[in-house]
Amino acid sequence: MNELYQQGLQDLHRAVANRLDGRTTAELLLAADVASLPCEAAQDRKKVILLLALAE
């Protein structure tokens, strides 16, 4: 069960990353802020995308 959950999370992360491709990190940080996600400006792009994916 855990493997299926991890695979689903990886698939979701990949889909969101593809959809947000071309957006700047600043735009992603703004989207996280608007969604009231706990995000700091120092976080790397991959982590911000993961937060946005989890928010979906």
N, C-alpha and C. Protein backbone atom coordinates (compact mmCIF):
# COMPACT_ATOMS: atom_id res chain seq x y z
N MET A 1 0.83 -1.20 0.00
CA MET A 1 0.00 0.00 0.00
C MET A 1 0.87 1.25 0.00
N ASN A 2 1.92 1.26 0.79
CA ASN A 2 2.81 2.41 0.89
C ASN A 2 3.46 2.71 -0.46
N GLU A 3 3.82 1.67 -1.20
CA GLU A 3 4.44 1.87 -2.52
C GLU A 3 3.46 2.53 -3.48
N LEU A 4 2.19 2.13 -3.42
CA LEU A 4 1.18 2.74 -4.29
C LEU A 4 0.98 4.21 -3.95
N TYR A 5 0.99 4.52 -2.66
CA TYR A 5 0.86 5.91 -2.21
C TYR A 5 2.03 6.74 -2.72
N GLN A 6 3.24 6.21 -2.56
CA GLN A 6 4.43 6.94 -3.01
C GLN A 6 4.42 7.12 -4.52
N GLN A 7 4.00 6.09 -5.24
CA GLN A 7 3.93 6.19 -6.70
C GLN A 7 2.91 7.26 -7.11
N GLY A 8 1.77 7.28 -6.43
CA GLY A 8 0.76 8.29 -6.74
C GLY A 8 1.26 9.69 -6.46
N LEU A 9 1.99 9.85 -5.37
CA LEU A 9 2.55 11.16 -5.03
C LEU A 9 3.60 11.57 -6.06
N GLN A 10 4.42 10.63 -6.49
CA GLN A 10 5.42 10.94 -7.52
C GLN A 10 4.74 11.32 -8.83
N ASP A 11 3.70 10.60 -9.19
CA ASP A 11 2.97 10.91 -10.42
C ASP A 11 2.34 12.30 -10.34
N LEU A 12 1.74 12.62 -9.19
CA LEU A 12 1.14 13.94 -9.00
C LEU A 12 2.19 15.03 -9.08
N HIS A 13 3.33 14.82 -8.41
CA HIS A 13 4.42 15.80 -8.43
C HIS A 13 4.90 16.03 -9.86
N ARG A 14 5.06 14.96 -10.62
CA ARG A 14 5.52 15.06 -12.01
C ARG A 14 4.50 15.82 -12.87
N ALA A 15 3.22 15.52 -12.68
CA ALA A 15 2.17 16.20 -13.46
C ALA A 15 2.14 17.69 -13.15
N VAL A 16 2.23 18.04 -11.86
CA VAL A 16 2.21 19.46 -11.49
C VAL A 16 3.46 20.15 -11.99
N ALA A 17 4.61 19.49 -11.89
CA ALA A 17 5.87 20.06 -12.38
C ALA A 17 5.78 20.33 -13.88
N ASN A 18 5.20 19.40 -14.63
CA ASN A 18 5.04 19.60 -16.07
C ASN A 18 4.11 20.77 -16.36
N ARG A 19 3.01 20.85 -15.61
CA ARG A 19 2.06 21.93 -15.82
C ARG A 19 2.65 23.30 -15.49
N LEU A 20 3.53 23.34 -14.48
CA LEU A 20 4.11 24.61 -14.05
C LEU A 20 5.43 24.93 -14.74
N ASP A 21 5.85 24.07 -15.64
CA ASP A 21 7.10 24.31 -16.37
C ASP A 21 7.00 25.65 -17.10
N GLY A 22 8.03 26.42 -17.01
CA GLY A 22 8.03 27.73 -17.65
C GLY A 22 7.71 28.85 -16.68
N ARG A 23 7.17 28.51 -15.52
CA ARG A 23 6.91 29.52 -14.48
C ARG A 23 8.20 29.78 -13.72
N THR A 24 8.40 30.99 -13.32
CA THR A 24 9.58 31.32 -12.53
C THR A 24 9.39 30.83 -11.10
N THR A 25 10.48 30.69 -10.39
CA THR A 25 10.40 30.30 -8.99
C THR A 25 9.63 31.35 -8.20
N ALA A 26 9.81 32.61 -8.55
CA ALA A 26 9.07 33.69 -7.88
C ALA A 26 7.57 33.52 -8.07
N GLU A 27 7.14 33.13 -9.26
CA GLU A 27 5.72 32.90 -9.52
C GLU A 27 5.20 31.72 -8.69
N LEU A 28 6.03 30.69 -8.57
CA LEU A 28 5.63 29.54 -7.77
C LEU A 28 5.51 29.90 -6.30
N LEU A 29 6.46 30.70 -5.81
CA LEU A 29 6.40 31.16 -4.42
C LEU A 29 5.16 32.00 -4.18
N LEU A 30 4.80 32.83 -5.14
CA LEU A 30 3.60 33.64 -5.02
C LEU A 30 2.35 32.75 -4.98
N ALA A 31 2.32 31.73 -5.83
CA ALA A 31 1.18 30.81 -5.84
C ALA A 31 1.07 30.08 -4.50
N ALA A 32 2.20 29.68 -3.93
CA ALA A 32 2.20 29.02 -2.62
C ALA A 32 1.70 29.98 -1.54
N ASP A 33 2.12 31.23 -1.63
CA ASP A 33 1.68 32.23 -0.65
C ASP A 33 0.17 32.46 -0.76
N VAL A 34 -0.33 32.58 -1.97
CA VAL A 34 -1.76 32.80 -2.18
C VAL A 34 -2.57 31.61 -1.65
N ALA A 35 -2.00 30.41 -1.76
CA ALA A 35 -2.67 29.21 -1.27
C ALA A 35 -2.45 29.00 0.23
N SER A 36 -1.80 29.96 0.88
CA SER A 36 -1.50 29.90 2.32
C SER A 36 -0.69 28.67 2.70
N LEU A 37 0.25 28.31 1.84
CA LEU A 37 1.12 27.18 2.12
C LEU A 37 2.36 27.67 2.87
N PRO A 38 2.86 26.86 3.79
CA PRO A 38 4.06 27.24 4.55
C PRO A 38 5.30 27.16 3.66
N CYS A 39 5.69 28.27 3.11
CA CYS A 39 6.78 28.28 2.14
C CYS A 39 7.68 29.48 2.41
N GLU A 40 8.98 29.26 2.30
CA GLU A 40 9.94 30.34 2.48
C GLU A 40 10.63 30.63 1.16
N ALA A 41 11.07 31.83 0.98
CA ALA A 41 11.72 32.23 -0.26
C ALA A 41 13.00 31.43 -0.53
N ALA A 42 13.60 30.89 0.52
CA ALA A 42 14.84 30.14 0.36
C ALA A 42 14.61 28.70 -0.10
N GLN A 43 13.36 28.24 -0.13
CA GLN A 43 13.09 26.86 -0.55
C GLN A 43 13.38 26.71 -2.03
N ASP A 44 13.88 25.54 -2.38
CA ASP A 44 14.18 25.32 -3.79
C ASP A 44 12.90 25.03 -4.58
N ARG A 45 13.01 25.14 -5.87
CA ARG A 45 11.88 25.03 -6.78
C ARG A 45 11.15 23.69 -6.62
N LYS A 46 11.90 22.60 -6.50
CA LYS A 46 11.30 21.27 -6.39
C LYS A 46 10.40 21.16 -5.16
N LYS A 47 10.83 21.74 -4.06
CA LYS A 47 10.04 21.69 -2.83
C LYS A 47 8.78 22.54 -2.96
N VAL A 48 8.89 23.68 -3.62
CA VAL A 48 7.71 24.53 -3.81
C VAL A 48 6.70 23.82 -4.69
N ILE A 49 7.17 23.15 -5.74
CA ILE A 49 6.26 22.41 -6.61
C ILE A 49 5.60 21.28 -5.83
N LEU A 50 6.35 20.60 -4.97
CA LEU A 50 5.76 19.54 -4.16
C LEU A 50 4.67 20.09 -3.25
N LEU A 51 4.90 21.22 -2.64
CA LEU A 51 3.87 21.85 -1.79
C LEU A 51 2.62 22.16 -2.60
N LEU A 52 2.81 22.71 -3.79
CA LEU A 52 1.66 23.03 -4.64
C LEU A 52 0.92 21.75 -5.07
N ALA A 53 1.67 20.69 -5.32
CA ALA A 53 1.05 19.43 -5.69
C ALA A 53 0.22 18.88 -4.52
N LEU A 54 0.76 18.95 -3.33
CA LEU A 54 0.05 18.46 -2.16
C LEU A 54 -1.21 19.29 -1.88
N ALA A 55 -1.17 20.56 -2.24
CA ALA A 55 -2.34 21.42 -2.04
C ALA A 55 -3.50 21.02 -2.95
N GLU A 56 -3.18 20.38 -4.06
CA GLU A 56 -4.25 19.93 -4.98
C GLU A 56 -4.98 18.78 -4.36
